[in-house]
Amino acid sequence: MSSASIAFQWAPLPKDGDVIYACKGDDVTFPWAYTLSPGEEISSIEWLFDGFSQEMIAFLSHGVFAPLPAFSGRVQQAANGGIVLSHVTTGDAGNYTVEVNVIGSSVVFKHTVILQVNSKIVWLVGCLVVLVFLFCFIFCSIFCHNIRCEIS
């Protein structure tokens, strides 16, 4: 199979460079997906992390998914080219890349997303701010409407 006949395509989402937000302790799915044309086969897939350091998370070769020791017990293969990372910490924030090798192609198909991990307190404070804003907006709308009616 020549490189010109390779029809590998990434699914529309996530886009290369998209940001995925998570809270500390969450399980995060990196939903990388691709399509192949009939007759195309995957040679191997590698998942990489680039945060404080660059390291391989796991690889798939000959149908065998193998997480590396630093991620063992926390990473699972998801559908297609995706992975699930369990119990994320702030140390897991960074760039995550999948590299797919197709048999008969010298091209390595790469896709990267950025993971941002916040502590749950940041999320709760954000929700509280939104709730306070909504309460004030509704209260002021009702209160101001009643004042206008009394003045008229």
Protein backbone atom coordinates (compact mmCIF):
# COMPACT_ATOMS: atom_id res chain seq x y z
CA MET A 1 0.00 0.00 0.00
CA SER A 2 1.52 3.35 -0.95
CA SER A 3 1.38 6.56 1.10
CA ALA A 4 -0.81 8.19 -1.55
CA SER A 5 -3.67 5.75 -0.88
CA ILE A 6 -3.84 6.35 2.88
CA ALA A 7 -7.27 7.76 3.81
CA PHE A 8 -6.75 8.12 7.56
CA GLN A 9 -8.88 10.94 9.03
CA TRP A 10 -9.38 12.29 12.54
CA ALA A 11 -12.91 12.72 13.86
CA PRO A 12 -13.96 16.40 14.08
CA LEU A 13 -13.72 16.54 17.89
CA PRO A 14 -11.64 17.09 19.80
CA LYS A 15 -9.78 19.48 17.53
CA ASP A 16 -6.01 19.56 17.66
CA GLY A 17 -5.09 21.96 20.48
CA ASP A 18 -8.50 21.83 22.24
CA VAL A 19 -8.51 22.27 26.01
CA ILE A 20 -10.13 19.66 28.24
CA TYR A 21 -11.06 20.84 31.73
CA ALA A 22 -11.18 18.52 34.73
CA CYS A 23 -11.30 18.68 38.49
CA LYS A 24 -8.78 16.96 40.71
CA GLY A 25 -9.89 13.36 41.25
CA ASP A 26 -11.97 13.12 38.05
CA ASP A 27 -11.63 10.48 35.37
CA VAL A 28 -10.86 12.12 32.03
CA THR A 29 -11.59 10.65 28.62
CA PHE A 30 -9.44 11.75 25.71
CA PRO A 31 -11.89 10.84 22.93
CA TRP A 32 -9.54 10.69 19.98
CA ALA A 33 -11.20 8.89 17.12
CA TYR A 34 -10.24 8.25 13.54
CA THR A 35 -11.53 6.53 10.44
CA LEU A 36 -9.68 4.27 8.07
CA SER A 37 -10.57 3.25 4.56
CA PRO A 38 -11.28 -0.43 3.85
CA GLY A 39 -8.06 -2.39 3.84
CA GLU A 40 -6.14 0.08 6.03
CA GLU A 41 -4.74 -1.22 9.30
CA ILE A 42 -3.15 0.38 12.33
CA SER A 43 0.46 -0.59 12.90
CA SER A 44 0.75 0.99 16.35
CA ILE A 45 -0.57 3.79 18.56
CA GLU A 46 1.41 5.73 21.17
CA TRP A 47 0.01 8.07 23.79
CA LEU A 48 2.34 10.75 25.17
CA PHE A 49 2.24 13.24 28.04
CA ASP A 50 4.13 16.52 28.07
CA GLY A 51 3.76 18.33 31.40
CA PHE A 52 6.62 18.76 33.81
CA SER A 53 8.42 16.19 31.69
CA GLN A 54 7.73 14.34 28.46
CA GLU A 55 6.92 10.68 28.79
CA MET A 56 5.03 7.90 27.09
CA ILE A 57 1.75 6.96 28.74
CA ALA A 58 1.00 3.76 26.85
CA PHE A 59 1.25 2.08 23.47
CA LEU A 60 -0.78 -0.32 21.39
CA SER A 61 1.05 -2.81 19.22
CA HIS A 62 -0.27 -6.01 17.62
CA GLY A 63 -3.59 -5.39 19.39
CA VAL A 64 -2.01 -5.31 22.87
CA PHE A 65 -2.52 -2.19 25.01
CA ALA A 66 0.41 -1.60 27.36
CA PRO A 67 0.49 1.29 29.84
CA LEU A 68 3.89 2.36 31.10
CA PRO A 69 4.65 2.03 34.85
CA ALA A 70 4.06 5.71 35.70
CA PHE A 71 0.47 5.42 34.41
CA SER A 72 -0.23 1.74 35.14
CA GLY A 73 -3.52 1.32 36.96
CA ARG A 74 -4.67 4.82 35.96
CA VAL A 75 -4.96 4.59 32.17
CA GLN A 76 -7.27 2.46 30.06
CA GLN A 77 -7.80 2.21 26.35
CA ALA A 78 -11.06 3.77 25.16
CA ALA A 79 -12.84 3.35 21.85
CA ASN A 80 -10.81 3.90 18.71
CA GLY A 81 -7.70 5.97 19.59
CA GLY A 82 -8.90 7.31 22.92
CA ILE A 83 -7.75 6.73 26.47
CA VAL A 84 -9.24 7.26 29.93
CA LEU A 85 -7.02 8.66 32.68
CA SER A 86 -8.36 7.97 36.18
CA HIS A 87 -8.09 10.10 39.31
CA VAL A 88 -6.32 13.07 37.71
CA THR A 89 -4.16 15.36 39.81
CA THR A 90 -2.87 18.86 39.14
CA GLY A 91 0.39 17.13 38.14
CA ASP A 92 -1.48 15.57 35.21
CA ALA A 93 -2.10 18.97 33.62
CA GLY A 94 -0.31 19.38 30.31
CA ASN A 95 -0.35 18.28 26.68
CA TYR A 96 -1.58 14.83 25.69
CA THR A 97 -0.73 13.51 22.25
CA VAL A 98 -1.77 10.41 20.37
CA GLU A 99 0.39 9.17 17.50
CA VAL A 100 -1.13 6.69 15.08
CA ASN A 101 0.94 4.68 12.62
CA VAL A 102 -0.86 3.13 9.65
CA ILE A 103 0.62 0.11 7.88
CA GLY A 104 2.05 1.20 4.53
CA SER A 105 2.41 4.87 5.47
CA SER A 106 5.52 6.72 6.56
CA VAL A 107 3.32 9.49 7.98
CA VAL A 108 2.68 9.53 11.75
CA PHE A 109 -0.78 10.96 12.41
CA LYS A 110 -0.66 13.11 15.57
CA HIS A 111 -3.35 14.82 17.59
CA THR A 112 -2.80 16.86 20.76
CA VAL A 113 -5.14 18.23 23.44
CA ILE A 114 -4.38 20.23 26.56
CA LEU A 115 -5.60 19.06 29.96
CA GLN A 116 -6.22 21.67 32.66
CA VAL A 117 -6.86 20.31 36.14
CA ASN A 118 -8.30 22.44 38.92
CA SER A 119 -9.06 21.53 42.48
CA LYS A 120 -12.77 21.01 43.14
CA ILE A 121 -12.84 24.07 45.39
CA VAL A 122 -12.14 26.28 42.35
CA TRP A 123 -15.09 24.70 40.56
CA LEU A 124 -17.33 25.12 43.63
CA VAL A 125 -16.33 28.77 44.04
CA GLY A 126 -17.05 29.34 40.34
CA CYS A 127 -20.50 27.78 40.71
CA LEU A 128 -21.16 29.84 43.83
CA VAL A 129 -20.26 33.05 41.98
CA VAL A 130 -22.63 32.11 39.15
CA LEU A 131 -25.44 31.29 41.59
CA VAL A 132 -24.96 34.58 43.47
CA PHE A 133 -24.98 36.48 40.17
CA LEU A 134 -28.19 34.73 39.06
CA PHE A 135 -29.84 35.35 42.43
CA CYS A 136 -28.93 39.06 42.31
CA PHE A 137 -30.08 39.35 38.72
CA ILE A 138 -33.46 37.73 39.44
CA PHE A 139 -33.93 39.62 42.72
CA CYS A 140 -33.01 42.96 41.15
CA SER A 141 -35.23 42.30 38.12
CA ILE A 142 -38.24 41.65 40.35
CA PHE A 143 -37.43 44.44 42.79
CA CYS A 144 -36.76 47.05 40.09
CA HIS A 145 -39.91 46.02 38.20
CA ASN A 146 -42.02 46.53 41.35
CA ILE A 147 -40.48 49.95 41.98
CA ARG A 148 -41.26 51.07 38.43
CA CYS A 149 -44.85 49.93 38.82
CA GLU A 150 -45.31 51.89 42.07
CA ILE A 151 -43.76 55.08 40.65
CA SER A 152 -46.02 55.07 37.58
